[in-house]
Protein backbone atom coordinates (compact mmCIF):
# COMPACT_ATOMS: atom_id res chain seq x y z
CA UNK A 1 0.26 0.12 0.08
CA UNK A 2 1.37 3.24 -0.78
CA UNK A 3 1.42 5.94 1.71
CA UNK A 4 3.14 8.87 3.35
CA UNK A 5 3.14 9.55 6.97
CA UNK A 6 3.29 13.23 8.68
CA UNK A 7 4.81 13.90 11.86
CA UNK A 8 5.90 16.28 14.45
CA UNK A 9 3.30 18.31 15.37
CA UNK A 10 2.11 19.70 18.51
CA UNK A 11 1.28 22.66 20.65
CA UNK A 12 4.05 25.40 20.17
CA UNK A 13 3.96 28.96 21.94
CA UNK A 14 4.10 31.93 19.25
CA UNK A 15 7.42 32.30 17.74
CA UNK A 16 8.47 28.64 18.40
CA UNK A 17 9.84 26.54 15.94
CA UNK A 18 8.52 22.49 14.79
CA UNK A 19 9.77 20.08 12.82
CA UNK A 20 7.39 18.10 10.74
CA UNK A 21 8.46 14.83 8.82
CA UNK A 22 6.71 13.14 5.95
CA UNK A 23 8.25 9.34 5.67
CA UNK A 24 6.34 7.29 2.86
CA UNK A 25 5.97 3.41 2.82
CA UNK A 26 5.22 0.92 -0.04
CA UNK A 27 7.16 3.31 -2.24
CA UNK A 28 10.23 5.00 -3.17
CA UNK A 29 9.73 9.15 -2.30
CA UNK A 30 13.12 9.99 -3.74
CA UNK A 31 11.73 9.42 -7.16
CA UNK A 32 8.74 12.12 -6.73
CA UNK A 33 8.52 15.70 -6.02
CA UNK A 34 6.43 16.55 -2.61
CA UNK A 35 4.46 19.00 -1.45
CA UNK A 36 2.88 20.36 1.96
CA UNK A 37 -0.19 21.58 2.64
CA UNK A 38 -2.17 22.60 5.81
CA UNK A 39 -6.00 23.39 6.17
CA UNK A 40 -7.16 25.68 9.31
CA UNK A 41 -10.15 25.40 11.11
CA UNK A 42 -13.11 26.45 8.43
CA UNK A 43 -11.04 26.99 5.72
CA UNK A 44 -9.97 25.31 2.40
CA UNK A 45 -6.58 23.42 2.16
CA UNK A 46 -3.65 25.67 1.74
CA UNK A 47 -0.64 24.71 -0.72
CA UNK A 48 2.50 26.40 1.50
CA UNK A 49 5.60 24.20 0.04
CA UNK A 50 7.26 21.88 -2.51
CA UNK A 51 10.36 20.38 -3.25
CA UNK A 52 11.97 18.53 -6.06
CA UNK A 53 13.61 15.00 -6.18
CA UNK A 54 16.65 15.92 -5.67
CA UNK A 55 16.21 19.10 -3.40
CA UNK A 56 17.04 21.25 -6.25
CA UNK A 57 13.79 22.99 -6.19
CA UNK A 58 11.80 24.53 -3.58
CA UNK A 59 8.92 26.96 -3.30
CA UNK A 60 7.09 28.46 -0.82
CA UNK A 61 3.21 30.41 -0.26
CA UNK A 62 3.92 34.28 0.39
CA UNK A 63 2.61 33.27 4.06
CA UNK A 64 5.04 31.03 5.17
CA UNK A 65 8.54 32.52 2.78
CA UNK A 66 11.32 33.34 4.99
CA UNK A 67 10.37 31.27 7.93
CA UNK A 68 9.62 27.59 6.56
CA UNK A 69 12.29 25.88 5.10
CA UNK A 70 11.70 22.63 3.09
CA UNK A 71 14.33 19.69 2.52
CA UNK A 72 14.44 16.17 2.23
CA UNK A 73 16.82 12.76 2.49
CA UNK A 74 16.13 10.32 -0.01
CA UNK A 75 18.50 7.68 2.16
CA UNK A 76 15.22 8.07 4.56
CA UNK A 77 12.64 8.14 2.38
CA UNK A 78 11.63 11.55 4.49
CA UNK A 79 10.55 14.76 3.60
CA UNK A 80 10.74 17.43 6.49
CA UNK A 81 9.31 20.86 7.05
CA UNK A 82 11.07 23.08 9.45
CA UNK A 83 9.25 25.81 10.70
CA UNK A 84 10.50 29.00 12.95
CA UNK A 85 8.92 32.11 14.07
CA UNK A 86 5.30 30.57 14.07
CA UNK A 87 2.56 32.71 14.48
CA UNK A 88 -0.95 31.69 15.68
CA UNK A 89 -2.19 32.16 12.28
CA UNK A 90 -0.16 28.57 11.06
CA UNK A 91 -2.37 26.56 13.10
CA UNK A 92 -3.76 24.05 11.08
CA UNK A 93 -3.72 20.58 10.01
CA UNK A 94 -0.84 19.63 7.64
CA UNK A 95 -0.64 17.56 4.97
CA UNK A 96 2.11 16.07 2.88
CA UNK A 97 1.44 14.76 -0.65
CA UNK A 98 3.23 13.06 -3.43
CA UNK A 99 1.68 13.09 -6.93
CA UNK A 100 0.60 10.33 -9.03
CA UNK A 101 3.00 10.69 -11.87
CA UNK A 102 6.90 11.41 -11.69
CA UNK A 103 8.37 14.04 -13.63
CA UNK A 104 6.60 16.69 -11.77
CA UNK A 105 9.23 19.28 -10.45
CA UNK A 106 7.17 21.02 -8.04
CA UNK A 107 3.90 21.46 -8.52
CA UNK A 108 1.22 23.68 -6.28
CA UNK A 109 -1.73 22.15 -7.73
CA UNK A 110 -3.82 20.14 -5.19
CA UNK A 111 -5.08 17.87 -8.11
CA UNK A 112 -1.75 16.70 -9.30
CA UNK A 113 -0.99 14.92 -5.90
CA UNK A 114 -2.80 11.51 -5.46
CA UNK A 115 -0.96 10.01 -2.36
CA UNK A 116 -1.93 12.27 1.01
CA UNK A 117 -1.19 11.55 4.49
CA UNK A 118 -3.65 11.64 7.37
CA UNK A 119 -2.20 15.05 8.45
CA UNK A 120 -0.73 16.50 11.78
CA UNK A 121 -1.41 18.93 14.20
CA UNK A 122 -0.05 22.28 14.44
CA UNK A 123 -0.83 24.12 17.45
CA UNK A 124 0.50 27.58 17.73
CA UNK A 125 -0.97 29.35 21.11
CA UNK A 126 0.38 30.57 24.11
C-alpha cells in the first residue's frame, strides 16, 4: 500500500519552532516531488511548499516564505518541513503529499497530488 505519514506536530508558543516529517511507505519517495499543504479550521486546503526530486528546486507560499524551510533526505525516504517563527495563524492540520506520476518538478496544484497523509495537527498558542 502506497502511503505517506506525517509526524512532528504539536502545541508550540508563538515564535517557536517545529519540524514536521513526511515518510513514505510502499514506494520510494525519492522519485517524486513532494508538497506540503495545510488546512485551518473553517478554511480550504492551502498549498505552502514543495520540493523537487533531488531538492534543487523549492517553492513557498508567501504566507510562510522566510520562516519555513522544506528539505529531504532520500536515503531515509523522508521530507521535512522546518517551521520557525510560528504564528497563531499557522495553526492548522498539515499534510504532505506526492504526485501520482513522476516528472513533476515542484507542483503547487492540489489536484496533481494523489498520495496524501492523514495530517498532523500544529497549534500555535500561548
